[in-house]
Amino acid sequence: MSKLSFAATAFVVAFSGATAQSAETRGACKADYDKFCAGIAPGSGIVACLNAKRDQLSATCKTALDSRKKK
């Protein structure tokens, strides 16, 4: 499996869930994940990585992460 495929799979698994909210977060943060947290494996803190880079994230991703916290 290529590194890109692994990273994409890791991202999907880390944000997987049955809710639409999870799908929205994945979509809203994919570019930010690819840019800042691509080396983070599932279960190793993808959301924590994104939160640590919060000042560099897109507004869309920040909003999606905030929505996760509220629910």
N, C-alpha and C. Protein backbone atom coordinates (compact mmCIF):
# COMPACT_ATOMS: atom_id res chain seq x y z
N MET A 1 0.84 -1.17 0.00
CA MET A 1 0.00 0.00 0.00
C MET A 1 0.89 1.24 0.00
N SER A 2 0.58 2.18 -0.85
CA SER A 2 1.39 3.40 -0.91
C SER A 2 1.15 4.26 0.33
N LYS A 3 2.09 5.16 0.59
CA LYS A 3 1.95 6.05 1.74
C LYS A 3 0.69 6.90 1.63
N LEU A 4 0.37 7.35 0.43
CA LEU A 4 -0.82 8.17 0.23
C LEU A 4 -2.08 7.37 0.52
N SER A 5 -2.14 6.14 0.04
CA SER A 5 -3.30 5.30 0.30
C SER A 5 -3.44 5.02 1.79
N PHE A 6 -2.32 4.74 2.44
CA PHE A 6 -2.35 4.50 3.88
C PHE A 6 -2.84 5.73 4.62
N ALA A 7 -2.33 6.89 4.24
CA ALA A 7 -2.72 8.13 4.91
C ALA A 7 -4.21 8.41 4.72
N ALA A 8 -4.70 8.20 3.53
CA ALA A 8 -6.12 8.42 3.26
C ALA A 8 -6.97 7.45 4.07
N THR A 9 -6.55 6.20 4.11
CA THR A 9 -7.27 5.19 4.89
C THR A 9 -7.23 5.55 6.37
N ALA A 10 -6.08 5.96 6.85
CA ALA A 10 -5.93 6.33 8.26
C ALA A 10 -6.86 7.49 8.60
N PHE A 11 -6.95 8.45 7.72
CA PHE A 11 -7.80 9.60 7.96
C PHE A 11 -9.26 9.18 8.06
N VAL A 12 -9.69 8.34 7.12
CA VAL A 12 -11.08 7.88 7.10
C VAL A 12 -11.39 7.07 8.36
N VAL A 13 -10.51 6.17 8.73
CA VAL A 13 -10.73 5.35 9.92
C VAL A 13 -10.78 6.21 11.17
N ALA A 14 -9.90 7.17 11.27
CA ALA A 14 -9.84 8.01 12.47
C ALA A 14 -11.11 8.82 12.66
N PHE A 15 -11.71 9.23 11.58
CA PHE A 15 -12.91 10.04 11.67
C PHE A 15 -14.18 9.25 11.38
N SER A 16 -14.07 7.93 11.28
CA SER A 16 -15.24 7.14 10.93
C SER A 16 -16.25 7.12 12.06
N GLY A 17 -17.48 6.99 11.68
CA GLY A 17 -18.58 6.95 12.64
C GLY A 17 -19.87 6.94 11.88
N ALA A 18 -20.95 6.70 12.58
CA ALA A 18 -22.24 6.55 11.93
C ALA A 18 -22.93 7.88 11.70
N THR A 19 -22.44 8.96 12.24
CA THR A 19 -23.14 10.23 12.16
C THR A 19 -22.71 11.04 10.95
N ALA A 20 -23.61 11.89 10.52
CA ALA A 20 -23.30 12.81 9.43
C ALA A 20 -22.23 13.80 9.87
N GLN A 21 -22.23 14.09 11.16
CA GLN A 21 -21.24 15.02 11.71
C GLN A 21 -19.83 14.53 11.41
N SER A 22 -19.58 13.23 11.57
CA SER A 22 -18.25 12.68 11.30
C SER A 22 -17.88 12.85 9.84
N ALA A 23 -18.82 12.60 8.95
CA ALA A 23 -18.57 12.77 7.52
C ALA A 23 -18.27 14.23 7.20
N GLU A 24 -18.98 15.13 7.85
CA GLU A 24 -18.73 16.55 7.63
C GLU A 24 -17.34 16.94 8.11
N THR A 25 -16.93 16.40 9.26
CA THR A 25 -15.60 16.70 9.79
C THR A 25 -14.53 16.17 8.86
N ARG A 26 -14.69 14.95 8.39
CA ARG A 26 -13.72 14.37 7.44
C ARG A 26 -13.58 15.25 6.22
N GLY A 27 -14.69 15.63 5.64
CA GLY A 27 -14.65 16.45 4.44
C GLY A 27 -14.06 17.83 4.68
N ALA A 28 -14.44 18.42 5.80
CA ALA A 28 -13.99 19.77 6.12
C ALA A 28 -12.51 19.83 6.45
N CYS A 29 -11.96 18.73 6.98
CA CYS A 29 -10.58 18.74 7.47
C CYS A 29 -9.61 17.93 6.62
N LYS A 30 -10.06 17.34 5.54
CA LYS A 30 -9.18 16.47 4.76
C LYS A 30 -7.93 17.19 4.28
N ALA A 31 -8.08 18.37 3.70
CA ALA A 31 -6.91 19.11 3.20
C ALA A 31 -5.96 19.47 4.34
N ASP A 32 -6.53 19.85 5.48
CA ASP A 32 -5.70 20.20 6.64
C ASP A 32 -4.99 18.96 7.18
N TYR A 33 -5.70 17.84 7.23
CA TYR A 33 -5.08 16.58 7.64
C TYR A 33 -3.91 16.23 6.72
N ASP A 34 -4.17 16.30 5.42
CA ASP A 34 -3.12 15.97 4.44
C ASP A 34 -1.89 16.87 4.61
N LYS A 35 -2.12 18.13 4.92
CA LYS A 35 -1.04 19.10 5.03
C LYS A 35 -0.28 19.00 6.35
N PHE A 36 -1.00 18.82 7.47
CA PHE A 36 -0.37 18.93 8.78
C PHE A 36 -0.23 17.61 9.56
N CYS A 37 -1.05 16.62 9.26
CA CYS A 37 -1.10 15.44 10.14
C CYS A 37 -1.05 14.11 9.38
N ALA A 38 -0.59 14.13 8.14
CA ALA A 38 -0.62 12.91 7.32
C ALA A 38 0.16 11.75 7.90
N GLY A 39 1.13 12.01 8.75
CA GLY A 39 1.93 10.93 9.33
C GLY A 39 1.31 10.29 10.56
N ILE A 40 0.15 10.78 10.98
CA ILE A 40 -0.50 10.27 12.18
C ILE A 40 -1.41 9.10 11.81
N ALA A 41 -1.20 7.97 12.47
CA ALA A 41 -1.99 6.77 12.22
C ALA A 41 -3.28 6.79 13.04
N PRO A 42 -4.30 6.04 12.60
CA PRO A 42 -5.55 5.96 13.36
C PRO A 42 -5.27 5.53 14.80
N GLY A 43 -5.99 6.11 15.71
CA GLY A 43 -5.82 5.79 17.11
C GLY A 43 -4.62 6.46 17.76
N SER A 44 -3.89 7.24 16.96
CA SER A 44 -2.70 7.91 17.47
C SER A 44 -2.89 9.41 17.65
N GLY A 45 -4.12 9.88 17.52
CA GLY A 45 -4.39 11.28 17.82
C GLY A 45 -4.52 12.22 16.66
N ILE A 46 -5.25 11.84 15.63
CA ILE A 46 -5.44 12.75 14.48
C ILE A 46 -6.15 14.02 14.92
N VAL A 47 -7.21 13.89 15.70
CA VAL A 47 -7.94 15.08 16.16
C VAL A 47 -7.03 15.93 17.03
N ALA A 48 -6.25 15.29 17.89
CA ALA A 48 -5.30 16.03 18.73
C ALA A 48 -4.28 16.77 17.87
N CYS A 49 -3.81 16.12 16.81
CA CYS A 49 -2.86 16.76 15.90
C CYS A 49 -3.49 17.99 15.25
N LEU A 50 -4.71 17.83 14.76
CA LEU A 50 -5.39 18.96 14.13
C LEU A 50 -5.59 20.09 15.14
N ASN A 51 -5.99 19.75 16.36
CA ASN A 51 -6.17 20.78 17.38
C ASN A 51 -4.85 21.47 17.72
N ALA A 52 -3.75 20.73 17.70
CA ALA A 52 -2.44 21.33 17.97
C ALA A 52 -2.02 22.30 16.87
N LYS A 53 -2.52 22.11 15.67
CA LYS A 53 -2.22 22.99 14.54
C LYS A 53 -3.35 23.98 14.28
N ARG A 54 -4.23 24.13 15.24
CA ARG A 54 -5.47 24.90 15.07
C ARG A 54 -5.26 26.28 14.43
N ASP A 55 -4.21 26.97 14.83
CA ASP A 55 -3.99 28.32 14.28
C ASP A 55 -3.67 28.31 12.80
N GLN A 56 -3.33 27.14 12.26
CA GLN A 56 -2.99 27.02 10.84
C GLN A 56 -4.10 26.38 10.02
N LEU A 57 -5.17 25.91 10.67
CA LEU A 57 -6.24 25.20 9.97
C LEU A 57 -7.16 26.15 9.23
N SER A 58 -7.85 25.59 8.25
CA SER A 58 -8.85 26.37 7.53
C SER A 58 -10.02 26.66 8.47
N ALA A 59 -10.74 27.72 8.17
CA ALA A 59 -11.90 28.08 8.98
C ALA A 59 -12.94 26.97 8.97
N THR A 60 -13.08 26.29 7.83
CA THR A 60 -14.05 25.21 7.72
C THR A 60 -13.71 24.06 8.66
N CYS A 61 -12.44 23.71 8.73
CA CYS A 61 -12.01 22.63 9.61
C CYS A 61 -12.18 23.04 11.07
N LYS A 62 -11.83 24.26 11.41
CA LYS A 62 -12.00 24.73 12.79
C LYS A 62 -13.46 24.61 13.22
N THR A 63 -14.36 25.04 12.34
CA THR A 63 -15.79 24.97 12.64
C THR A 63 -16.23 23.52 12.84
N ALA A 64 -15.74 22.62 11.98
CA ALA A 64 -16.10 21.20 12.10
C ALA A 64 -15.57 20.61 13.40
N LEU A 65 -14.36 20.94 13.78
CA LEU A 65 -13.81 20.45 15.04
C LEU A 65 -14.60 21.00 16.23
N ASP A 66 -15.00 22.25 16.16
CA ASP A 66 -15.80 22.83 17.23
C ASP A 66 -17.14 22.12 17.34
N SER A 67 -17.73 21.75 16.22
CA SER A 67 -19.01 21.04 16.21
C SER A 67 -18.87 19.67 16.87
N ARG A 68 -17.74 18.99 16.65
CA ARG A 68 -17.49 17.69 17.29
C ARG A 68 -17.49 17.82 18.81
N LYS A 69 -16.92 18.89 19.30
CA LYS A 69 -16.82 19.10 20.75
C LYS A 69 -18.19 19.33 21.38
N LYS A 70 -19.09 19.96 20.64
CA LYS A 70 -20.40 20.33 21.18
C LYS A 70 -21.34 19.14 21.27
N LYS A 71 -21.08 18.08 20.52
CA LYS A 71 -22.03 16.95 20.48
C LYS A 71 -21.54 15.78 21.24
